[in-house]
PDB file of N, CA and C in Angstrom:
ATOM      1  N   MET A   1      60.625  71.072 186.214  1.00  0.00           N
ATOM      2  CA  MET A   1      61.718  70.939 187.261  1.00  0.00           C
ATOM      3  C   MET A   1      62.722  69.876 186.938  1.00  0.00           C
ATOM      4  N   ARG A   2      63.946  69.946 186.785  1.00  0.00           N
ATOM      5  CA  ARG A   2      64.634  68.892 186.430  1.00  0.00           C
ATOM      6  C   ARG A   2      64.993  67.916 187.727  1.00  0.00           C
ATOM      7  N   SER A   3      65.486  66.862 187.370  1.00  0.00           N
ATOM      8  CA  SER A   3      65.623  65.580 188.425  1.00  0.00           C
ATOM      9  C   SER A   3      67.135  66.379 189.239  1.00  0.00           C
ATOM     10  N   PHE A   4      67.363  65.777 190.473  1.00  0.00           N
ATOM     11  CA  PHE A   4      68.407  66.125 190.901  1.00  0.00           C
ATOM     12  C   PHE A   4      69.635  65.379 190.272  1.00  0.00           C
ATOM     13  N   TYR A   5      69.617  64.323 189.609  1.00  0.00           N
ATOM     14  CA  TYR A   5      70.578  63.792 188.648  1.00  0.00           C
ATOM     15  C   TYR A   5      71.125  64.585 187.645  1.00  0.00           C
ATOM     16  N   HIS A   6      69.910  65.304 187.060  1.00  0.00           N
ATOM     17  CA  HIS A   6      70.383  66.381 185.897  1.00  0.00           C
ATOM     18  C   HIS A   6      71.162  67.445 186.550  1.00  0.00           C
ATOM     19  N   PHE A   7      70.581  67.953 187.521  1.00  0.00           N
ATOM     20  CA  PHE A   7      71.191  68.939 188.224  1.00  0.00           C
ATOM     21  C   PHE A   7      72.550  68.757 188.649  1.00  0.00           C
ATOM     22  N   MET A   8      72.814  67.301 189.054  1.00  0.00           N
ATOM     23  CA  MET A   8      74.333  67.133 189.379  1.00  0.00           C
ATOM     24  C   MET A   8      75.043  67.020 188.182  1.00  0.00           C
ATOM     25  N   MET A   9      74.595  66.695 187.036  1.00  0.00           N
ATOM     26  CA  MET A   9      75.238  66.510 185.787  1.00  0.00           C
ATOM     27  C   MET A   9      76.252  67.825 185.552  1.00  0.00           C
ATOM     28  N   THR A  10      75.813  68.945 186.016  1.00  0.00           N
ATOM     29  CA  THR A  10      76.553  70.201 185.916  1.00  0.00           C
ATOM     30  C   THR A  10      77.927  70.123 186.698  1.00  0.00           C
ATOM     31  N   PHE A  11      78.284  69.317 187.510  1.00  0.00           N
ATOM     32  CA  PHE A  11      79.656  69.275 188.220  1.00  0.00           C
ATOM     33  C   PHE A  11      80.406  68.237 187.810  1.00  0.00           C
ATOM     34  N   ARG A  12      80.034  67.664 186.626  1.00  0.00           N
ATOM     35  CA  ARG A  12      80.717  66.564 186.058  1.00  0.00           C
ATOM     36  C   ARG A  12      82.063  67.103 185.367  1.00  0.00           C
ATOM     37  N   GLY A  13      83.098  66.067 185.110  1.00  0.00           N
ATOM     38  CA  GLY A  13      84.276  66.650 184.565  1.00  0.00           C
ATOM     39  C   GLY A  13      84.959  67.541 184.894  1.00  0.00           C
ATOM     40  N   LYS A  14      85.386  67.941 185.976  1.00  0.00           N
ATOM     41  CA  LYS A  14      86.116  68.921 186.621  1.00  0.00           C
ATOM     42  C   LYS A  14      87.666  68.672 186.232  1.00  0.00           C
ATOM     43  N   LEU A  15      88.412  69.591 185.704  1.00  0.00           N
ATOM     44  CA  LEU A  15      89.848  69.149 185.575  1.00  0.00           C
ATOM     45  C   LEU A  15      90.482  69.040 186.966  1.00  0.00           C
ATOM     46  N   VAL A  16      90.134  69.434 187.823  1.00  0.00           N
ATOM     47  CA  VAL A  16      90.630  69.382 189.289  1.00  0.00           C
ATOM     48  C   VAL A  16      89.421  68.739 189.947  1.00  0.00           C
ATOM     49  N   PRO A  17      89.511  67.634 190.150  1.00  0.00           N
ATOM     50  CA  PRO A  17      88.271  66.746 190.693  1.00  0.00           C
ATOM     51  C   PRO A  17      88.032  67.339 192.400  1.00  0.00           C
ATOM     52  N   ASP A  18      86.838  67.420 192.889  1.00  0.00           N
ATOM     53  CA  ASP A  18      86.616  67.600 194.282  1.00  0.00           C
ATOM     54  C   ASP A  18      85.592  66.860 194.523  1.00  0.00           C
ATOM     55  N   ASP A  19      84.980  66.568 195.672  1.00  0.00           N
ATOM     56  CA  ASP A  19      84.036  65.953 196.288  1.00  0.00           C
ATOM     57  C   ASP A  19      82.463  66.150 195.462  1.00  0.00           C
ATOM     58  N   LYS A  20      82.129  67.145 195.154  1.00  0.00           N
ATOM     59  CA  LYS A  20      81.140  67.231 194.062  1.00  0.00           C
ATOM     60  C   LYS A  20      81.146  66.775 192.904  1.00  0.00           C
ATOM     61  N   SER A  21      82.363  66.987 192.144  1.00  0.00           N
ATOM     62  CA  SER A  21      82.546  66.346 190.733  1.00  0.00           C
ATOM     63  C   SER A  21      82.688  64.895 191.052  1.00  0.00           C
ATOM     64  N   GLY A  22      83.216  64.617 192.230  1.00  0.00           N
ATOM     65  CA  GLY A  22      83.356  62.851 192.166  1.00  0.00           C
ATOM     66  C   GLY A  22      81.904  62.232 192.408  1.00  0.00           C
ATOM     67  N   LEU A  23      81.036  62.920 193.067  1.00  0.00           N
ATOM     68  CA  LEU A  23      79.880  62.331 193.342  1.00  0.00           C
ATOM     69  C   LEU A  23      78.971  62.197 192.027  1.00  0.00           C
ATOM     70  N   ALA A  24      79.128  63.443 191.146  1.00  0.00           N
ATOM     71  CA  ALA A  24      78.309  63.669 190.401  1.00  0.00           C
ATOM     72  C   ALA A  24      78.889  62.344 188.948  1.00  0.00           C
ATOM     73  N   ASP A  25      80.446  62.324 189.040  1.00  0.00           N
ATOM     74  CA  ASP A  25      80.641  61.313 188.048  1.00  0.00           C
ATOM     75  C   ASP A  25      80.293  59.844 188.758  1.00  0.00           C
ATOM     76  N   TRP A  26      80.283  59.503 189.899  1.00  0.00           N
ATOM     77  CA  TRP A  26      79.714  58.205 190.385  1.00  0.00           C
ATOM     78  C   TRP A  26      78.350  58.101 189.927  1.00  0.00           C
ATOM     79  N   MET A  27      77.511  59.225 190.194  1.00  0.00           N
ATOM     80  CA  MET A  27      76.269  58.903 189.896  1.00  0.00           C
ATOM     81  C   MET A  27      75.989  58.787 188.308  1.00  0.00           C
ATOM     82  N   PHE A  28      76.927  59.398 187.460  1.00  0.00           N
ATOM     83  CA  PHE A  28      76.970  59.013 186.138  1.00  0.00           C
ATOM     84  C   PHE A  28      77.080  57.692 185.740  1.00  0.00           C
ATOM     85  N   GLU A  29      77.975  57.216 186.278  1.00  0.00           N
ATOM     86  CA  GLU A  29      78.502  55.687 185.949  1.00  0.00           C
ATOM     87  C   GLU A  29      77.733  54.718 186.824  1.00  0.00           C
ATOM     88  N   ASP A  30      76.699  55.037 187.709  1.00  0.00           N
ATOM     89  CA  ASP A  30      75.937  54.228 188.232  1.00  0.00           C
ATOM     90  C   ASP A  30      74.649  53.725 187.544  1.00  0.00           C
ATOM     91  N   ALA A  31      74.537  52.740 186.946  1.00  0.00           N
ATOM     92  CA  ALA A  31      73.412  52.308 186.177  1.00  0.00           C
ATOM     93  C   ALA A  31      71.952  52.423 186.836  1.00  0.00           C
ATOM     94  N   ASN A  32      72.292  52.000 188.194  1.00  0.00           N
ATOM     95  CA  ASN A  32      71.179  52.022 189.096  1.00  0.00           C
ATOM     96  C   ASN A  32      70.517  53.117 190.035  1.00  0.00           C
ATOM     97  N   PHE A  33      71.277  54.325 189.822  1.00  0.00           N
ATOM     98  CA  PHE A  33      71.194  55.366 190.489  1.00  0.00           C
ATOM     99  C   PHE A  33      69.608  56.051 190.008  1.00  0.00           C
ATOM    100  N   PRO A  34      68.907  56.352 190.885  1.00  0.00           N
ATOM    101  CA  PRO A  34      67.662  56.840 190.601  1.00  0.00           C
ATOM    102  C   PRO A  34      67.329  58.152 189.905  1.00  0.00           C
ATOM    103  N   LYS A  35      67.686  58.117 188.614  1.00  0.00           N
ATOM    104  CA  LYS A  35      67.811  59.122 187.643  1.00  0.00           C
ATOM    105  C   LYS A  35      66.894  60.178 187.690  1.00  0.00           C
ATOM    106  N   HIS A  36      65.493  59.945 187.771  1.00  0.00           N
ATOM    107  CA  HIS A  36      64.292  60.691 187.722  1.00  0.00           C
ATOM    108  C   HIS A  36      63.675  60.988 188.960  1.00  0.00           C
ATOM    109  N   SER A  37      64.353  60.700 189.900  1.00  0.00           N
ATOM    110  CA  SER A  37      63.856  61.126 191.253  1.00  0.00           C
ATOM    111  C   SER A  37      64.242  62.702 191.545  1.00  0.00           C
ATOM    112  N   HIS A  38      63.059  63.263 192.392  1.00  0.00           N
ATOM    113  CA  HIS A  38      63.142  64.658 192.734  1.00  0.00           C
ATOM    114  C   HIS A  38      62.621  64.335 194.532  1.00  0.00           C
ATOM    115  N   SER A  39      62.949  63.340 194.922  1.00  0.00           N
ATOM    116  CA  SER A  39      62.660  62.777 196.314  1.00  0.00           C
ATOM    117  C   SER A  39      64.110  62.832 197.052  1.00  0.00           C
ATOM    118  N   TYR A  40      64.076  63.557 198.078  1.00  0.00           N
ATOM    119  CA  TYR A  40      65.272  63.382 199.008  1.00  0.00           C
ATOM    120  C   TYR A  40      65.470  62.256 199.575  1.00  0.00           C
ATOM    121  N   ASP A  41      64.329  61.875 200.179  1.00  0.00           N
ATOM    122  CA  ASP A  41      64.438  60.376 200.877  1.00  0.00           C
ATOM    123  C   ASP A  41      64.957  59.338 200.050  1.00  0.00           C
ATOM    124  N   GLU A  42      64.257  59.332 198.606  1.00  0.00           N
ATOM    125  CA  GLU A  42      64.810  58.399 197.803  1.00  0.00           C
ATOM    126  C   GLU A  42      66.053  58.294 197.619  1.00  0.00           C
ATOM    127  N   ILE A  43      66.702  59.308 197.250  1.00  0.00           N
ATOM    128  CA  ILE A  43      68.267  59.400 196.894  1.00  0.00           C
ATOM    129  C   ILE A  43      68.969  59.083 198.121  1.00  0.00           C
ATOM    130  N   SER A  44      68.801  59.905 199.268  1.00  0.00           N
ATOM    131  CA  SER A  44      69.260  59.697 200.422  1.00  0.00           C
ATOM    132  C   SER A  44      69.406  58.293 201.051  1.00  0.00           C
ATOM    133  N   ARG A  45      68.304  57.538 200.689  1.00  0.00           N
ATOM    134  CA  ARG A  45      68.318  56.013 201.001  1.00  0.00           C
ATOM    135  C   ARG A  45      69.272  55.282 200.069  1.00  0.00           C
ATOM    136  N   TYR A  46      69.030  55.660 198.948  1.00  0.00           N
ATOM    137  CA  TYR A  46      69.936  54.869 197.911  1.00  0.00           C
ATOM    138  C   TYR A  46      71.530  55.144 198.232  1.00  0.00           C
ATOM    139  N   LEU A  47      71.993  56.426 198.470  1.00  0.00           N
ATOM    140  CA  LEU A  47      73.364  56.723 198.628  1.00  0.00           C
ATOM    141  C   LEU A  47      73.679  56.108 200.009  1.00  0.00           C
ATOM    142  N   GLU A  48      72.890  55.957 200.940  1.00  0.00           N
ATOM    143  CA  GLU A  48      73.341  55.258 202.322  1.00  0.00           C
ATOM    144  C   GLU A  48      73.498  53.933 202.099  1.00  0.00           C
ATOM    145  N   TRP A  49      72.881  53.213 201.059  1.00  0.00           N
ATOM    146  CA  TRP A  49      73.153  51.808 200.730  1.00  0.00           C
ATOM    147  C   TRP A  49      74.344  51.653 199.930  1.00  0.00           C
ATOM    148  N   ASN A  50      74.627  52.711 199.197  1.00  0.00           N
ATOM    149  CA  ASN A  50      75.824  52.430 197.943  1.00  0.00           C
ATOM    150  C   ASN A  50      76.634  53.449 197.899  1.00  0.00           C
ATOM    151  N   ILE A  51      77.090  54.035 199.335  1.00  0.00           N
ATOM    152  CA  ILE A  51      77.856  55.083 199.311  1.00  0.00           C
ATOM    153  C   ILE A  51      79.120  55.046 198.804  1.00  0.00           C
ATOM    154  N   PRO A  52      79.562  55.870 197.878  1.00  0.00           N
ATOM    155  CA  PRO A  52      80.573  55.713 197.015  1.00  0.00           C
ATOM    156  C   PRO A  52      82.067  56.217 197.878  1.00  0.00           C
ATOM    157  N   PHE A  53      81.890  57.126 198.755  1.00  0.00           N
ATOM    158  CA  PHE A  53      83.167  57.731 199.341  1.00  0.00           C
ATOM    159  C   PHE A  53      82.787  58.015 200.684  1.00  0.00           C
ATOM    160  N   PRO A  54      83.435  58.346 201.659  1.00  0.00           N
ATOM    161  CA  PRO A  54      83.062  58.514 203.177  1.00  0.00           C
ATOM    162  C   PRO A  54      82.112  59.851 203.307  1.00  0.00           C
ATOM    163  N   THR A  55      82.488  60.777 202.572  1.00  0.00           N
ATOM    164  CA  THR A  55      81.711  62.099 202.515  1.00  0.00           C
ATOM    165  C   THR A  55      80.647  62.435 201.767  1.00  0.00           C
ATOM    166  N   ALA A  56      80.218  61.361 200.979  1.00  0.00           N
ATOM    167  CA  ALA A  56      79.131  61.437 200.176  1.00  0.00           C
ATOM    168  C   ALA A  56      77.986  62.207 200.644  1.00  0.00           C
ATOM    169  N   LEU A  57      77.479  61.521 201.654  1.00  0.00           N
ATOM    170  CA  LEU A  57      76.396  61.906 202.275  1.00  0.00           C
ATOM    171  C   LEU A  57      76.228  63.574 202.739  1.00  0.00           C
ATOM    172  N   SER A  58      77.433  63.732 203.301  1.00  0.00           N
ATOM    173  CA  SER A  58      77.470  65.301 203.638  1.00  0.00           C
ATOM    174  C   SER A  58      77.550  66.221 202.276  1.00  0.00           C
ATOM    175  N   VAL A  59      78.406  65.694 201.387  1.00  0.00           N
ATOM    176  CA  VAL A  59      78.250  66.596 200.031  1.00  0.00           C
ATOM    177  C   VAL A  59      76.871  66.213 199.468  1.00  0.00           C
ATOM    178  N   PHE A  60      76.082  65.323 199.577  1.00  0.00           N
ATOM    179  CA  PHE A  60      74.715  65.252 199.009  1.00  0.00           C
ATOM    180  C   PHE A  60      73.931  66.442 199.896  1.00  0.00           C
ATOM    181  N   ASP A  61      73.979  66.391 200.830  1.00  0.00           N
ATOM    182  CA  ASP A  61      73.104  67.111 201.815  1.00  0.00           C
ATOM    183  C   ASP A  61      73.408  68.728 201.291  1.00  0.00           C
ATOM    184  N   GLU A  62      74.472  69.070 201.237  1.00  0.00           N
ATOM    185  CA  GLU A  62      74.941  70.463 200.712  1.00  0.00           C
ATOM    186  C   GLU A  62      74.463  70.621 199.354  1.00  0.00           C
ATOM    187  N   LEU A  63      74.621  69.844 198.562  1.00  0.00           N
ATOM    188  CA  LEU A  63      74.267  69.986 197.124  1.00  0.00           C
ATOM    189  C   LEU A  63      72.473  69.929 196.822  1.00  0.00           C
ATOM    190  N   TRP A  64      71.903  69.097 197.629  1.00  0.00           N
ATOM    191  CA  TRP A  64      70.407  69.177 197.831  1.00  0.00           C
ATOM    192  C   TRP A  64      69.952  70.518 198.049  1.00  0.00           C
ATOM    193  N   GLU A  65      70.505  71.363 199.013  1.00  0.00           N
ATOM    194  CA  GLU A  65      70.155  72.541 199.491  1.00  0.00           C
ATOM    195  C   GLU A  65      70.276  73.524 198.314  1.00  0.00           C
ATOM    196  N   GLU A  66      71.334  73.294 197.498  1.00  0.00           N
ATOM    197  CA  GLU A  66      71.607  74.080 196.309  1.00  0.00           C
ATOM    198  C   GLU A  66      70.605  73.774 195.166  1.00  0.00           C
ATOM    199  N   TYR A  67      70.349  72.428 195.133  1.00  0.00           N
ATOM    200  CA  TYR A  67      69.341  71.907 194.025  1.00  0.00           C
ATOM    201  C   TYR A  67      68.070  72.822 194.320  1.00  0.00           C
ATOM    202  N   GLN A  68      67.673  72.668 195.567  1.00  0.00           N
ATOM    203  CA  GLN A  68      66.134  73.243 196.072  1.00  0.00           C
ATOM    204  C   GLN A  68      66.059  74.613 195.688  1.00  0.00           C
ATOM    205  N   MET A  69      67.315  75.473 196.075  1.00  0.00           N
ATOM    206  CA  MET A  69      67.391  76.901 195.766  1.00  0.00           C
ATOM    207  C   MET A  69      67.337  77.174 194.117  1.00  0.00           C
ATOM    208  N   ASN A  70      67.913  76.396 193.395  1.00  0.00           N
ATOM    209  CA  ASN A  70      68.107  76.756 192.100  1.00  0.00           C
ATOM    210  C   ASN A  70      66.866  76.341 191.246  1.00  0.00           C
ATOM    211  N   GLU A  71      66.370  75.129 191.824  1.00  0.00           N
ATOM    212  CA  GLU A  71      65.057  74.896 191.032  1.00  0.00           C
ATOM    213  C   GLU A  71      63.970  75.490 191.508  1.00  0.00           C
ATOM    214  N   ALA A  72      63.937  76.111 192.276  1.00  0.00           N
ATOM    215  CA  ALA A  72      62.460  76.854 193.033  1.00  0.00           C
ATOM    216  C   ALA A  72      62.230  77.933 192.275  1.00  0.00           C
ATOM    217  N   ILE A  73      63.419  78.498 191.495  1.00  0.00           N
ATOM    218  CA  ILE A  73      63.361  79.679 190.837  1.00  0.00           C
ATOM    219  C   ILE A  73      62.172  79.733 189.578  1.00  0.00           C
TER     220      ILE A  73
END
């Protein structure tokens, strides 16, 4: 199972950025982001303390559900 960070890297570099790609780009540039984590709680806490933009937590929750569905296969 790949980490949430690696899942998020599939959203980077969009020609027309959106909140998903914005969060992925921010995660890529943040040297302290927990890149190897598979833990919702760990990543959620990190985002709560280092929120990159106002809707980041709701975007994270949406993407976490997608991550769980894709990685459960």
